[in-house]
N, C-alpha and C. Protein backbone atom coordinates (compact mmCIF):
# COMPACT_ATOMS: atom_id res chain seq x y z
N MET A 1 -9.76 5.36 -12.09
CA MET A 1 -10.57 6.09 -13.06
C MET A 1 -11.77 5.25 -13.47
N LEU A 2 -12.93 5.89 -13.59
CA LEU A 2 -14.11 5.19 -14.07
C LEU A 2 -14.20 5.33 -15.58
N MET A 3 -14.62 4.26 -16.23
CA MET A 3 -14.78 4.27 -17.67
C MET A 3 -16.13 3.68 -18.03
N ILE A 4 -16.71 4.16 -19.12
CA ILE A 4 -17.96 3.63 -19.61
C ILE A 4 -17.72 2.24 -20.20
N GLY A 5 -18.51 1.26 -19.75
CA GLY A 5 -18.31 -0.11 -20.18
C GLY A 5 -18.37 -0.31 -21.68
N SER A 6 -19.32 0.34 -22.35
CA SER A 6 -19.47 0.16 -23.79
C SER A 6 -18.27 0.71 -24.56
N LYS A 7 -17.56 1.68 -23.98
CA LYS A 7 -16.40 2.26 -24.66
C LYS A 7 -15.16 1.38 -24.55
N VAL A 8 -15.17 0.44 -23.62
CA VAL A 8 -14.04 -0.48 -23.51
C VAL A 8 -14.15 -1.58 -24.56
N VAL A 9 -15.38 -1.89 -24.97
CA VAL A 9 -15.61 -2.88 -26.02
C VAL A 9 -15.21 -2.27 -27.36
N GLY A 10 -14.38 -3.00 -28.11
CA GLY A 10 -13.90 -2.49 -29.39
C GLY A 10 -12.61 -1.70 -29.30
N THR A 11 -11.99 -1.69 -28.12
CA THR A 11 -10.74 -0.95 -27.95
C THR A 11 -9.53 -1.86 -28.19
N PRO A 12 -8.36 -1.29 -28.48
CA PRO A 12 -7.18 -2.10 -28.77
C PRO A 12 -6.66 -2.83 -27.53
N VAL A 13 -6.08 -4.00 -27.78
CA VAL A 13 -5.32 -4.72 -26.77
C VAL A 13 -3.86 -4.59 -27.18
N LEU A 14 -3.05 -3.99 -26.31
CA LEU A 14 -1.66 -3.66 -26.63
C LEU A 14 -0.70 -4.58 -25.89
N SER A 15 0.23 -5.15 -26.60
CA SER A 15 1.21 -6.06 -26.02
C SER A 15 2.54 -5.37 -25.81
N LEU A 16 3.06 -5.43 -24.58
CA LEU A 16 4.38 -4.88 -24.30
C LEU A 16 5.46 -5.65 -25.07
N HIS A 17 5.27 -6.96 -25.20
CA HIS A 17 6.26 -7.80 -25.89
C HIS A 17 6.31 -7.49 -27.38
N MET A 18 5.13 -7.33 -27.99
CA MET A 18 5.07 -7.06 -29.43
C MET A 18 5.29 -5.58 -29.73
N GLY A 19 5.04 -4.73 -28.73
CA GLY A 19 5.21 -3.30 -28.93
C GLY A 19 4.10 -2.65 -29.73
N GLY A 20 2.92 -3.26 -29.71
CA GLY A 20 1.82 -2.68 -30.46
C GLY A 20 0.53 -3.45 -30.25
N GLU A 21 -0.45 -3.16 -31.09
CA GLU A 21 -1.78 -3.76 -30.97
C GLU A 21 -1.78 -5.19 -31.50
N ILE A 22 -2.42 -6.09 -30.74
CA ILE A 22 -2.52 -7.48 -31.18
C ILE A 22 -3.96 -7.93 -31.37
N ALA A 23 -4.92 -7.16 -30.87
CA ALA A 23 -6.32 -7.54 -31.01
C ALA A 23 -7.19 -6.38 -30.55
N GLN A 24 -8.50 -6.59 -30.63
CA GLN A 24 -9.46 -5.64 -30.08
C GLN A 24 -10.46 -6.42 -29.22
N THR A 25 -10.96 -5.77 -28.19
CA THR A 25 -11.98 -6.42 -27.37
C THR A 25 -13.28 -6.51 -28.17
N ASP A 26 -14.03 -7.57 -27.90
CA ASP A 26 -15.25 -7.82 -28.66
C ASP A 26 -16.49 -7.80 -27.75
N LEU A 27 -16.51 -8.68 -26.75
CA LEU A 27 -17.62 -8.75 -25.82
C LEU A 27 -17.09 -8.79 -24.39
N ASP A 28 -17.84 -8.18 -23.47
CA ASP A 28 -17.46 -8.25 -22.06
C ASP A 28 -18.12 -9.46 -21.40
N ILE A 29 -17.41 -10.07 -20.48
CA ILE A 29 -17.94 -11.23 -19.74
C ILE A 29 -18.00 -10.82 -18.27
N ILE A 30 -19.21 -10.71 -17.74
CA ILE A 30 -19.43 -10.21 -16.39
C ILE A 30 -19.90 -11.34 -15.48
N ASP A 31 -19.27 -11.44 -14.32
CA ASP A 31 -19.68 -12.42 -13.31
C ASP A 31 -20.89 -11.85 -12.57
N PRO A 32 -22.06 -12.48 -12.66
CA PRO A 32 -23.25 -11.93 -12.01
C PRO A 32 -23.20 -11.99 -10.48
N GLU A 33 -22.30 -12.80 -9.94
CA GLU A 33 -22.22 -12.93 -8.48
C GLU A 33 -21.60 -11.70 -7.83
N ASN A 34 -20.62 -11.10 -8.49
CA ASN A 34 -19.97 -9.93 -7.89
C ASN A 34 -19.92 -8.72 -8.83
N LEU A 35 -20.56 -8.83 -10.01
CA LEU A 35 -20.59 -7.75 -10.99
C LEU A 35 -19.19 -7.24 -11.31
N LYS A 36 -18.34 -8.18 -11.67
CA LYS A 36 -16.99 -7.85 -12.12
C LYS A 36 -16.83 -8.30 -13.57
N VAL A 37 -16.21 -7.44 -14.39
CA VAL A 37 -15.85 -7.86 -15.74
C VAL A 37 -14.62 -8.75 -15.61
N ILE A 38 -14.80 -10.04 -15.80
CA ILE A 38 -13.69 -10.97 -15.57
C ILE A 38 -12.87 -11.23 -16.83
N ALA A 39 -13.46 -10.93 -18.00
CA ALA A 39 -12.74 -11.22 -19.24
C ALA A 39 -13.40 -10.48 -20.40
N TYR A 40 -12.67 -10.46 -21.52
CA TYR A 40 -13.20 -9.96 -22.79
C TYR A 40 -12.90 -10.98 -23.88
N THR A 41 -13.86 -11.26 -24.73
CA THR A 41 -13.57 -12.01 -25.93
C THR A 41 -12.87 -11.05 -26.89
N LEU A 42 -12.04 -11.60 -27.77
CA LEU A 42 -11.21 -10.77 -28.64
C LEU A 42 -11.45 -11.06 -30.12
N LYS A 43 -11.11 -10.09 -30.94
CA LYS A 43 -11.12 -10.27 -32.39
C LYS A 43 -9.88 -9.60 -32.94
N GLY A 44 -9.43 -10.07 -34.12
CA GLY A 44 -8.24 -9.48 -34.72
C GLY A 44 -7.48 -10.48 -35.55
N GLU A 45 -7.02 -10.07 -36.71
CA GLU A 45 -6.33 -10.97 -37.63
C GLU A 45 -4.97 -11.40 -37.12
N ILE A 46 -4.39 -10.61 -36.21
CA ILE A 46 -3.04 -10.92 -35.74
C ILE A 46 -3.02 -12.07 -34.75
N LEU A 47 -4.17 -12.46 -34.22
CA LEU A 47 -4.24 -13.57 -33.28
C LEU A 47 -3.79 -14.86 -33.95
N LYS A 48 -3.21 -15.75 -33.16
CA LYS A 48 -2.71 -17.01 -33.70
C LYS A 48 -3.80 -17.77 -34.43
N ASP A 49 -4.98 -17.84 -33.84
CA ASP A 49 -6.11 -18.53 -34.45
C ASP A 49 -7.37 -17.72 -34.18
N PRO A 50 -7.70 -16.77 -35.04
CA PRO A 50 -8.84 -15.89 -34.81
C PRO A 50 -10.15 -16.64 -34.62
N GLU A 51 -10.27 -17.81 -35.23
CA GLU A 51 -11.50 -18.58 -35.14
C GLU A 51 -11.64 -19.33 -33.82
N ALA A 52 -10.54 -19.43 -33.06
CA ALA A 52 -10.57 -20.20 -31.82
C ALA A 52 -11.25 -19.44 -30.69
N GLY A 53 -11.40 -18.14 -30.86
CA GLY A 53 -12.07 -17.36 -29.82
C GLY A 53 -11.17 -17.05 -28.64
N SER A 54 -10.08 -16.32 -28.88
CA SER A 54 -9.17 -15.97 -27.80
C SER A 54 -9.87 -15.05 -26.79
N ILE A 55 -9.48 -15.21 -25.53
CA ILE A 55 -10.09 -14.46 -24.43
C ILE A 55 -9.00 -13.85 -23.57
N LEU A 56 -9.23 -12.61 -23.15
CA LEU A 56 -8.31 -11.93 -22.25
C LEU A 56 -8.94 -11.82 -20.88
N MET A 57 -8.30 -12.43 -19.88
CA MET A 57 -8.76 -12.30 -18.50
C MET A 57 -8.34 -10.93 -17.97
N THR A 58 -9.24 -10.24 -17.32
CA THR A 58 -8.90 -8.89 -16.84
C THR A 58 -7.83 -8.91 -15.76
N ASP A 59 -7.64 -10.02 -15.08
CA ASP A 59 -6.57 -10.11 -14.08
C ASP A 59 -5.19 -10.01 -14.74
N ASP A 60 -5.14 -10.24 -16.06
CA ASP A 60 -3.87 -10.17 -16.78
C ASP A 60 -3.64 -8.82 -17.44
N VAL A 61 -4.54 -7.87 -17.22
CA VAL A 61 -4.39 -6.53 -17.80
C VAL A 61 -3.50 -5.70 -16.90
N ARG A 62 -2.43 -5.13 -17.48
CA ARG A 62 -1.53 -4.28 -16.71
C ARG A 62 -2.12 -2.90 -16.50
N GLU A 63 -2.82 -2.41 -17.51
CA GLU A 63 -3.42 -1.08 -17.41
C GLU A 63 -4.58 -0.96 -18.39
N LEU A 64 -5.62 -0.30 -17.95
CA LEU A 64 -6.73 0.09 -18.82
C LEU A 64 -6.78 1.60 -18.86
N SER A 65 -6.63 2.16 -20.06
CA SER A 65 -6.68 3.61 -20.22
C SER A 65 -7.43 3.93 -21.50
N ASN A 66 -7.46 5.21 -21.84
CA ASN A 66 -8.14 5.62 -23.07
C ASN A 66 -7.45 5.09 -24.32
N ARG A 67 -6.22 4.65 -24.20
CA ARG A 67 -5.49 4.12 -25.35
C ARG A 67 -5.72 2.64 -25.56
N GLY A 68 -6.24 1.94 -24.55
CA GLY A 68 -6.52 0.53 -24.69
C GLY A 68 -6.15 -0.26 -23.46
N LEU A 69 -6.14 -1.60 -23.61
CA LEU A 69 -5.78 -2.50 -22.52
C LEU A 69 -4.35 -2.99 -22.77
N VAL A 70 -3.48 -2.79 -21.80
CA VAL A 70 -2.08 -3.17 -21.94
C VAL A 70 -1.84 -4.49 -21.21
N ILE A 71 -1.23 -5.46 -21.93
CA ILE A 71 -0.87 -6.74 -21.33
C ILE A 71 0.61 -7.02 -21.62
N ASP A 72 1.15 -8.03 -20.94
CA ASP A 72 2.56 -8.35 -21.14
C ASP A 72 2.82 -8.91 -22.53
N SER A 73 2.05 -9.94 -22.91
CA SER A 73 2.24 -10.55 -24.22
C SER A 73 1.00 -11.36 -24.60
N ALA A 74 0.98 -11.82 -25.84
CA ALA A 74 -0.14 -12.63 -26.32
C ALA A 74 -0.22 -13.97 -25.61
N ASP A 75 0.84 -14.38 -24.93
CA ASP A 75 0.83 -15.63 -24.18
C ASP A 75 -0.18 -15.61 -23.04
N ARG A 76 -0.62 -14.41 -22.65
CA ARG A 76 -1.58 -14.28 -21.56
C ARG A 76 -3.00 -14.59 -22.00
N LEU A 77 -3.22 -14.68 -23.32
CA LEU A 77 -4.56 -14.96 -23.83
C LEU A 77 -4.90 -16.43 -23.62
N VAL A 78 -6.18 -16.70 -23.37
CA VAL A 78 -6.63 -18.07 -23.11
C VAL A 78 -7.83 -18.38 -24.00
N GLU A 79 -8.26 -19.64 -23.94
CA GLU A 79 -9.49 -20.05 -24.59
C GLU A 79 -10.51 -20.40 -23.52
N ARG A 80 -11.74 -20.41 -23.93
CA ARG A 80 -12.85 -20.61 -22.99
C ARG A 80 -12.66 -21.83 -22.11
N GLU A 81 -12.23 -22.93 -22.71
CA GLU A 81 -12.11 -24.19 -21.97
C GLU A 81 -10.93 -24.20 -21.01
N ASP A 82 -10.04 -23.22 -21.13
CA ASP A 82 -8.84 -23.20 -20.29
C ASP A 82 -9.14 -22.82 -18.84
N VAL A 83 -10.23 -22.11 -18.61
CA VAL A 83 -10.56 -21.63 -17.27
C VAL A 83 -11.96 -22.12 -16.92
N ILE A 84 -12.06 -23.00 -15.92
CA ILE A 84 -13.33 -23.62 -15.58
C ILE A 84 -14.37 -22.59 -15.19
N ARG A 85 -14.00 -21.67 -14.30
CA ARG A 85 -14.95 -20.66 -13.85
C ARG A 85 -15.42 -19.80 -15.01
N LEU A 86 -14.52 -19.47 -15.91
CA LEU A 86 -14.88 -18.67 -17.08
C LEU A 86 -15.89 -19.40 -17.95
N ALA A 87 -15.65 -20.68 -18.17
CA ALA A 87 -16.57 -21.48 -18.99
C ALA A 87 -17.96 -21.52 -18.36
N GLU A 88 -18.00 -21.65 -17.03
CA GLU A 88 -19.29 -21.70 -16.33
C GLU A 88 -20.07 -20.39 -16.50
N ILE A 89 -19.36 -19.27 -16.39
CA ILE A 89 -20.02 -17.97 -16.50
C ILE A 89 -20.49 -17.72 -17.93
N MET A 90 -19.68 -18.12 -18.91
CA MET A 90 -20.07 -17.92 -20.30
C MET A 90 -21.30 -18.75 -20.66
N GLU A 91 -21.47 -19.89 -20.00
CA GLU A 91 -22.65 -20.71 -20.24
C GLU A 91 -23.92 -20.00 -19.83
N LEU A 92 -23.81 -19.06 -18.89
CA LEU A 92 -24.98 -18.33 -18.40
C LEU A 92 -25.48 -17.31 -19.42
N ASN A 93 -24.59 -16.87 -20.32
CA ASN A 93 -24.94 -15.82 -21.28
C ASN A 93 -25.50 -14.58 -20.58
N PHE A 94 -24.89 -14.23 -19.46
CA PHE A 94 -25.37 -13.09 -18.67
C PHE A 94 -24.92 -11.78 -19.29
N SER A 95 -25.82 -10.81 -19.31
CA SER A 95 -25.49 -9.47 -19.80
C SER A 95 -26.24 -8.46 -18.95
N LEU A 96 -25.53 -7.42 -18.53
CA LEU A 96 -26.18 -6.34 -17.78
C LEU A 96 -27.12 -5.53 -18.66
N ILE A 97 -26.69 -5.31 -19.91
CA ILE A 97 -27.45 -4.45 -20.81
C ILE A 97 -28.82 -5.06 -21.08
N GLY A 98 -29.85 -4.26 -20.86
CA GLY A 98 -31.21 -4.72 -21.11
C GLY A 98 -31.95 -5.23 -19.88
N LEU A 99 -31.22 -5.44 -18.77
CA LEU A 99 -31.88 -5.91 -17.55
C LEU A 99 -32.81 -4.82 -17.01
N LYS A 100 -33.97 -5.25 -16.51
CA LYS A 100 -34.89 -4.32 -15.87
C LYS A 100 -34.35 -3.94 -14.49
N VAL A 101 -34.69 -2.76 -14.03
CA VAL A 101 -34.31 -2.31 -12.69
C VAL A 101 -35.59 -2.02 -11.92
N VAL A 102 -35.71 -2.67 -10.77
CA VAL A 102 -36.89 -2.47 -9.92
C VAL A 102 -36.44 -2.23 -8.49
N THR A 103 -37.31 -1.61 -7.70
CA THR A 103 -37.02 -1.42 -6.28
C THR A 103 -37.48 -2.63 -5.50
N GLU A 104 -37.09 -2.69 -4.24
CA GLU A 104 -37.53 -3.79 -3.37
C GLU A 104 -39.05 -3.81 -3.23
N GLY A 105 -39.68 -2.65 -3.40
CA GLY A 105 -41.13 -2.58 -3.33
C GLY A 105 -41.82 -2.91 -4.64
N GLY A 106 -41.03 -3.23 -5.67
CA GLY A 106 -41.60 -3.63 -6.95
C GLY A 106 -41.78 -2.50 -7.94
N LYS A 107 -41.34 -1.29 -7.62
CA LYS A 107 -41.49 -0.15 -8.53
C LYS A 107 -40.50 -0.26 -9.68
N LYS A 108 -40.97 -0.11 -10.91
CA LYS A 108 -40.11 -0.19 -12.08
C LYS A 108 -39.35 1.12 -12.27
N ILE A 109 -38.03 1.02 -12.41
CA ILE A 109 -37.19 2.20 -12.57
C ILE A 109 -36.79 2.40 -14.03
N GLY A 110 -36.54 1.32 -14.76
CA GLY A 110 -36.12 1.43 -16.15
C GLY A 110 -35.31 0.21 -16.56
N LYS A 111 -34.51 0.37 -17.63
CA LYS A 111 -33.64 -0.69 -18.12
C LYS A 111 -32.20 -0.21 -18.19
N ILE A 112 -31.28 -1.14 -17.94
CA ILE A 112 -29.86 -0.80 -17.99
C ILE A 112 -29.42 -0.64 -19.45
N VAL A 113 -28.79 0.49 -19.75
CA VAL A 113 -28.29 0.75 -21.10
C VAL A 113 -26.76 0.79 -21.15
N ASP A 114 -26.12 0.89 -19.98
CA ASP A 114 -24.66 0.91 -19.94
C ASP A 114 -24.23 0.82 -18.48
N TYR A 115 -22.92 0.85 -18.26
CA TYR A 115 -22.40 0.81 -16.91
C TYR A 115 -21.04 1.48 -16.87
N THR A 116 -20.59 1.82 -15.68
CA THR A 116 -19.22 2.30 -15.52
C THR A 116 -18.43 1.25 -14.76
N LEU A 117 -17.16 1.17 -15.05
CA LEU A 117 -16.31 0.22 -14.33
C LEU A 117 -15.06 0.91 -13.85
N ASP A 118 -14.49 0.37 -12.79
CA ASP A 118 -13.25 0.89 -12.24
C ASP A 118 -12.10 0.31 -13.05
N SER A 119 -11.24 1.18 -13.58
CA SER A 119 -10.18 0.74 -14.48
C SER A 119 -9.09 -0.08 -13.77
N GLY A 120 -9.06 -0.04 -12.45
CA GLY A 120 -8.06 -0.81 -11.73
C GLY A 120 -8.53 -2.20 -11.36
N SER A 121 -9.80 -2.31 -10.96
CA SER A 121 -10.33 -3.60 -10.48
C SER A 121 -11.27 -4.27 -11.46
N PHE A 122 -11.76 -3.53 -12.45
CA PHE A 122 -12.76 -4.00 -13.41
C PHE A 122 -14.09 -4.36 -12.74
N MET A 123 -14.32 -3.83 -11.57
CA MET A 123 -15.61 -3.99 -10.92
C MET A 123 -16.61 -3.00 -11.52
N VAL A 124 -17.84 -3.47 -11.72
CA VAL A 124 -18.89 -2.56 -12.17
C VAL A 124 -19.19 -1.61 -11.02
N TYR A 125 -19.02 -0.32 -11.27
CA TYR A 125 -19.16 0.68 -10.22
C TYR A 125 -20.57 1.26 -10.17
N GLN A 126 -21.15 1.48 -11.34
CA GLN A 126 -22.50 2.01 -11.46
C GLN A 126 -23.18 1.36 -12.66
N VAL A 127 -24.51 1.30 -12.62
CA VAL A 127 -25.27 0.95 -13.82
C VAL A 127 -26.01 2.20 -14.27
N ILE A 128 -26.10 2.39 -15.57
CA ILE A 128 -26.77 3.53 -16.16
C ILE A 128 -28.13 3.07 -16.66
N VAL A 129 -29.17 3.70 -16.18
CA VAL A 129 -30.54 3.23 -16.41
C VAL A 129 -31.31 4.22 -17.27
N GLN A 130 -31.92 3.70 -18.33
CA GLN A 130 -32.81 4.51 -19.16
C GLN A 130 -34.21 4.45 -18.57
N ARG A 131 -34.80 5.61 -18.34
CA ARG A 131 -36.11 5.70 -17.72
C ARG A 131 -37.22 5.29 -18.69
N PRO A 132 -38.36 4.84 -18.17
CA PRO A 132 -39.52 4.56 -19.02
C PRO A 132 -39.95 5.82 -19.76
N LEU A 133 -40.71 5.66 -20.83
CA LEU A 133 -41.07 6.78 -21.70
C LEU A 133 -41.74 7.92 -20.94
N LEU A 134 -42.69 7.62 -20.08
CA LEU A 134 -43.43 8.67 -19.39
C LEU A 134 -42.57 9.43 -18.39
N SER A 135 -41.51 8.79 -17.89
CA SER A 135 -40.64 9.45 -16.91
C SER A 135 -39.42 10.09 -17.56
N SER A 136 -39.14 9.74 -18.82
CA SER A 136 -37.90 10.16 -19.45
C SER A 136 -37.88 11.64 -19.80
N PHE A 137 -39.03 12.30 -19.80
CA PHE A 137 -39.06 13.73 -20.13
C PHE A 137 -38.35 14.56 -19.06
N THR A 138 -38.44 14.11 -17.81
CA THR A 138 -37.79 14.85 -16.72
C THR A 138 -36.50 14.19 -16.26
N ASP A 139 -36.45 12.87 -16.28
CA ASP A 139 -35.27 12.13 -15.84
C ASP A 139 -34.92 11.08 -16.89
N PRO A 140 -34.25 11.47 -17.99
CA PRO A 140 -33.97 10.50 -19.06
C PRO A 140 -33.08 9.35 -18.63
N GLN A 141 -32.09 9.61 -17.78
CA GLN A 141 -31.18 8.57 -17.32
C GLN A 141 -30.87 8.75 -15.84
N LEU A 142 -30.66 7.63 -15.18
CA LEU A 142 -30.25 7.63 -13.79
C LEU A 142 -29.02 6.76 -13.64
N THR A 143 -28.21 7.04 -12.61
CA THR A 143 -27.12 6.13 -12.27
C THR A 143 -27.43 5.49 -10.93
N ILE A 144 -27.09 4.23 -10.83
CA ILE A 144 -27.30 3.50 -9.59
C ILE A 144 -25.98 2.89 -9.17
N ASN A 145 -25.52 3.24 -7.98
CA ASN A 145 -24.26 2.72 -7.46
C ASN A 145 -24.41 1.25 -7.10
N ARG A 146 -23.32 0.49 -7.21
CA ARG A 146 -23.37 -0.94 -6.93
C ARG A 146 -23.78 -1.21 -5.48
N SER A 147 -23.52 -0.27 -4.58
CA SER A 147 -23.89 -0.46 -3.18
C SER A 147 -25.40 -0.47 -2.97
N GLN A 148 -26.15 0.03 -3.96
CA GLN A 148 -27.61 0.07 -3.86
C GLN A 148 -28.27 -1.19 -4.41
N ILE A 149 -27.48 -2.05 -5.04
CA ILE A 149 -28.03 -3.27 -5.63
C ILE A 149 -28.11 -4.37 -4.58
N VAL A 150 -29.29 -4.97 -4.44
CA VAL A 150 -29.48 -6.02 -3.44
C VAL A 150 -29.65 -7.40 -4.07
N GLU A 151 -29.99 -7.46 -5.34
CA GLU A 151 -30.20 -8.76 -5.98
C GLU A 151 -30.05 -8.64 -7.49
N VAL A 152 -29.47 -9.68 -8.10
CA VAL A 152 -29.31 -9.74 -9.55
C VAL A 152 -29.79 -11.10 -10.03
N ASP A 153 -30.66 -11.12 -11.05
CA ASP A 153 -31.03 -12.40 -11.65
C ASP A 153 -30.98 -12.26 -13.17
N ASP A 154 -31.50 -13.23 -13.89
CA ASP A 154 -31.39 -13.23 -15.35
C ASP A 154 -32.20 -12.13 -16.02
N PHE A 155 -33.17 -11.57 -15.32
CA PHE A 155 -34.09 -10.63 -15.96
C PHE A 155 -34.06 -9.22 -15.37
N LYS A 156 -33.55 -9.08 -14.15
CA LYS A 156 -33.63 -7.77 -13.50
C LYS A 156 -32.60 -7.65 -12.39
N ILE A 157 -32.39 -6.40 -11.96
CA ILE A 157 -31.66 -6.16 -10.73
C ILE A 157 -32.61 -5.42 -9.78
N THR A 158 -32.49 -5.72 -8.51
CA THR A 158 -33.33 -5.10 -7.50
C THR A 158 -32.48 -4.17 -6.66
N ILE A 159 -32.97 -2.96 -6.44
CA ILE A 159 -32.23 -1.96 -5.68
C ILE A 159 -32.95 -1.62 -4.39
N LYS A 160 -32.21 -1.01 -3.47
CA LYS A 160 -32.76 -0.65 -2.16
C LYS A 160 -33.81 0.43 -2.29
N GLY A 161 -34.79 0.39 -1.41
CA GLY A 161 -35.75 1.48 -1.27
C GLY A 161 -36.78 1.55 -2.37
N ASP A 162 -37.54 2.65 -2.36
CA ASP A 162 -38.61 2.85 -3.32
C ASP A 162 -38.47 4.14 -4.10
N LYS A 163 -37.34 4.85 -3.93
CA LYS A 163 -37.17 6.13 -4.61
C LYS A 163 -36.13 6.00 -5.72
N GLU A 164 -36.34 6.79 -6.78
CA GLU A 164 -35.36 6.83 -7.86
C GLU A 164 -34.04 7.36 -7.33
N GLN A 165 -33.01 7.00 -8.03
CA GLN A 165 -31.67 7.36 -7.57
C GLN A 165 -31.20 8.65 -8.24
N ILE A 166 -29.94 9.01 -7.99
CA ILE A 166 -29.36 10.28 -8.44
C ILE A 166 -29.28 10.33 -9.97
N LYS A 167 -29.57 11.48 -10.54
CA LYS A 167 -29.44 11.66 -11.98
C LYS A 167 -27.98 11.51 -12.39
N ILE A 168 -27.77 11.03 -13.61
CA ILE A 168 -26.40 10.88 -14.09
C ILE A 168 -25.78 12.25 -14.34
N GLN A 169 -24.55 12.42 -13.92
CA GLN A 169 -23.83 13.67 -14.13
C GLN A 169 -22.59 13.37 -14.96
N ASP A 170 -21.46 13.21 -14.31
CA ASP A 170 -20.24 12.90 -15.05
C ASP A 170 -20.07 11.40 -15.04
N LYS A 171 -20.19 10.76 -16.19
CA LYS A 171 -20.22 9.31 -16.26
C LYS A 171 -18.88 8.65 -15.98
N ALA A 172 -17.79 9.31 -16.34
CA ALA A 172 -16.54 8.58 -16.35
C ALA A 172 -15.36 9.24 -15.68
N GLU A 173 -15.55 10.40 -15.09
CA GLU A 173 -14.39 11.11 -14.57
C GLU A 173 -14.55 11.52 -13.12
N ASP A 174 -15.24 10.71 -12.30
CA ASP A 174 -15.44 11.11 -10.92
C ASP A 174 -14.50 10.40 -9.96
N LYS A 175 -13.43 9.78 -10.51
CA LYS A 175 -12.39 9.19 -9.67
C LYS A 175 -11.04 9.57 -10.26
N PRO A 176 -9.98 9.64 -9.43
CA PRO A 176 -8.66 10.00 -9.94
C PRO A 176 -8.20 9.02 -11.00
N GLU A 177 -7.37 9.49 -11.92
CA GLU A 177 -6.86 8.62 -12.97
C GLU A 177 -5.99 7.53 -12.37
N PHE A 178 -6.17 6.32 -12.90
CA PHE A 178 -5.38 5.17 -12.47
C PHE A 178 -3.93 5.35 -12.87
N VAL A 179 -3.02 5.20 -11.91
CA VAL A 179 -1.59 5.36 -12.19
C VAL A 179 -0.91 3.99 -12.08
N PRO A 180 -0.42 3.44 -13.19
CA PRO A 180 0.19 2.11 -13.16
C PRO A 180 1.54 2.14 -12.45
N ASP A 181 2.00 0.94 -12.02
CA ASP A 181 3.27 0.86 -11.32
C ASP A 181 4.39 0.42 -12.26
N PHE A 182 4.23 0.71 -13.55
CA PHE A 182 5.29 0.39 -14.50
C PHE A 182 5.27 1.46 -15.58
N VAL A 183 6.35 1.52 -16.35
CA VAL A 183 6.44 2.51 -17.44
C VAL A 183 5.70 1.97 -18.64
N ASN A 184 4.65 2.64 -19.05
CA ASN A 184 3.84 2.20 -20.17
C ASN A 184 4.34 2.87 -21.45
N PRO A 185 4.92 2.11 -22.37
CA PRO A 185 5.46 2.70 -23.59
C PRO A 185 4.39 3.23 -24.53
N PHE A 186 3.11 2.84 -24.29
CA PHE A 186 2.03 3.28 -25.15
C PHE A 186 1.44 4.61 -24.71
N ARG A 187 1.86 5.10 -23.53
CA ARG A 187 1.40 6.41 -23.10
C ARG A 187 2.15 7.49 -23.85
N LYS A 188 1.47 8.59 -24.14
CA LYS A 188 2.15 9.70 -24.79
C LYS A 188 3.13 10.33 -23.80
N PRO A 189 4.40 10.52 -24.18
CA PRO A 189 5.38 11.08 -23.24
C PRO A 189 5.04 12.51 -22.88
N SER A 190 5.39 12.88 -21.66
CA SER A 190 5.20 14.26 -21.23
C SER A 190 6.14 15.16 -22.00
N TYR A 191 5.78 16.43 -22.14
CA TYR A 191 6.63 17.37 -22.90
C TYR A 191 7.91 17.64 -22.14
N MET A 192 9.04 17.51 -22.84
CA MET A 192 10.34 17.78 -22.26
C MET A 192 10.99 18.91 -23.04
N PRO A 193 11.48 19.97 -22.38
CA PRO A 193 12.12 21.08 -23.09
C PRO A 193 13.42 20.65 -23.74
N SER A 194 13.74 21.25 -24.88
CA SER A 194 15.00 20.94 -25.56
C SER A 194 16.16 21.55 -24.79
N GLU A 195 17.39 21.17 -25.18
CA GLU A 195 18.57 21.72 -24.52
C GLU A 195 18.63 23.23 -24.72
N GLU A 196 18.24 23.71 -25.94
CA GLU A 196 18.28 25.14 -26.20
C GLU A 196 17.30 25.89 -25.30
N GLU A 197 16.08 25.31 -25.13
CA GLU A 197 15.07 25.94 -24.28
C GLU A 197 15.53 25.97 -22.83
N SER A 198 16.11 24.85 -22.37
CA SER A 198 16.59 24.79 -20.99
C SER A 198 17.69 25.81 -20.76
N SER A 199 18.62 25.97 -21.77
CA SER A 199 19.72 26.92 -21.65
C SER A 199 19.18 28.34 -21.59
N ALA A 200 18.15 28.62 -22.42
CA ALA A 200 17.57 29.97 -22.44
C ALA A 200 16.94 30.31 -21.12
N VAL A 201 16.26 29.32 -20.50
CA VAL A 201 15.64 29.54 -19.20
C VAL A 201 16.69 29.84 -18.15
N SER A 202 17.83 29.10 -18.19
CA SER A 202 18.92 29.31 -17.22
C SER A 202 19.51 30.70 -17.38
N ASP A 203 19.70 31.16 -18.65
CA ASP A 203 20.26 32.49 -18.90
C ASP A 203 19.34 33.57 -18.37
N ASN A 204 18.02 33.37 -18.58
CA ASN A 204 17.06 34.35 -18.11
C ASN A 204 17.05 34.46 -16.58
N GLU A 205 17.17 33.29 -15.94
CA GLU A 205 17.19 33.26 -14.48
C GLU A 205 18.44 33.98 -13.96
N SER A 206 19.59 33.79 -14.67
CA SER A 206 20.83 34.43 -14.22
C SER A 206 20.73 35.93 -14.39
N THR A 207 20.14 36.39 -15.49
CA THR A 207 19.99 37.83 -15.73
C THR A 207 19.09 38.45 -14.72
N THR A 208 18.01 37.75 -14.36
CA THR A 208 17.06 38.27 -13.38
C THR A 208 17.69 38.41 -12.00
N SER A 209 18.51 37.45 -11.63
CA SER A 209 19.14 37.46 -10.32
C SER A 209 20.15 38.58 -10.19
N GLU A 210 20.81 38.97 -11.34
CA GLU A 210 21.75 40.05 -11.31
C GLU A 210 21.05 41.40 -11.13
């Protein structure tokens, strides 16, 4: 399932061990080399040391859904210095939001205002681009697939060709819903008929057959 990146920020982090919410996501940390959300900084009073800056690596997320990010326990949380690669990326202060988008021919397309990510891999799937003022009357926003991106630097991303890309349509529901390989207690249970309802259905079926 695709999800809007900005909507994942500020969502609950749910612990299977604690049986409830232990924090909320604060900022996304994106690796500019492969455009993957590798971690989220967290906030929340329930954290052991809220001032220490706990971080959740996305590789430790069991499921990302509309209810939040599900992890095994708070023991999976780390600090910046615990992961060398994470510390290196955080030093870059890289952010997709606000980057200019240009074509290989130098044509300005707009600025990134959001992105979609795959809930299973946390890879950035598309970037959502706000058009310049003069172009926004006809094409206010465009989506650009990651396959069209040829270069990323601190100030811009460069895309293939010289033509604008497809207009944004459905931002978050163009892939099947992610189905986890474990029973998620935070999911709302499916409706199950009561014994009386099941008995009534059986009686009706018997009467119909007669």
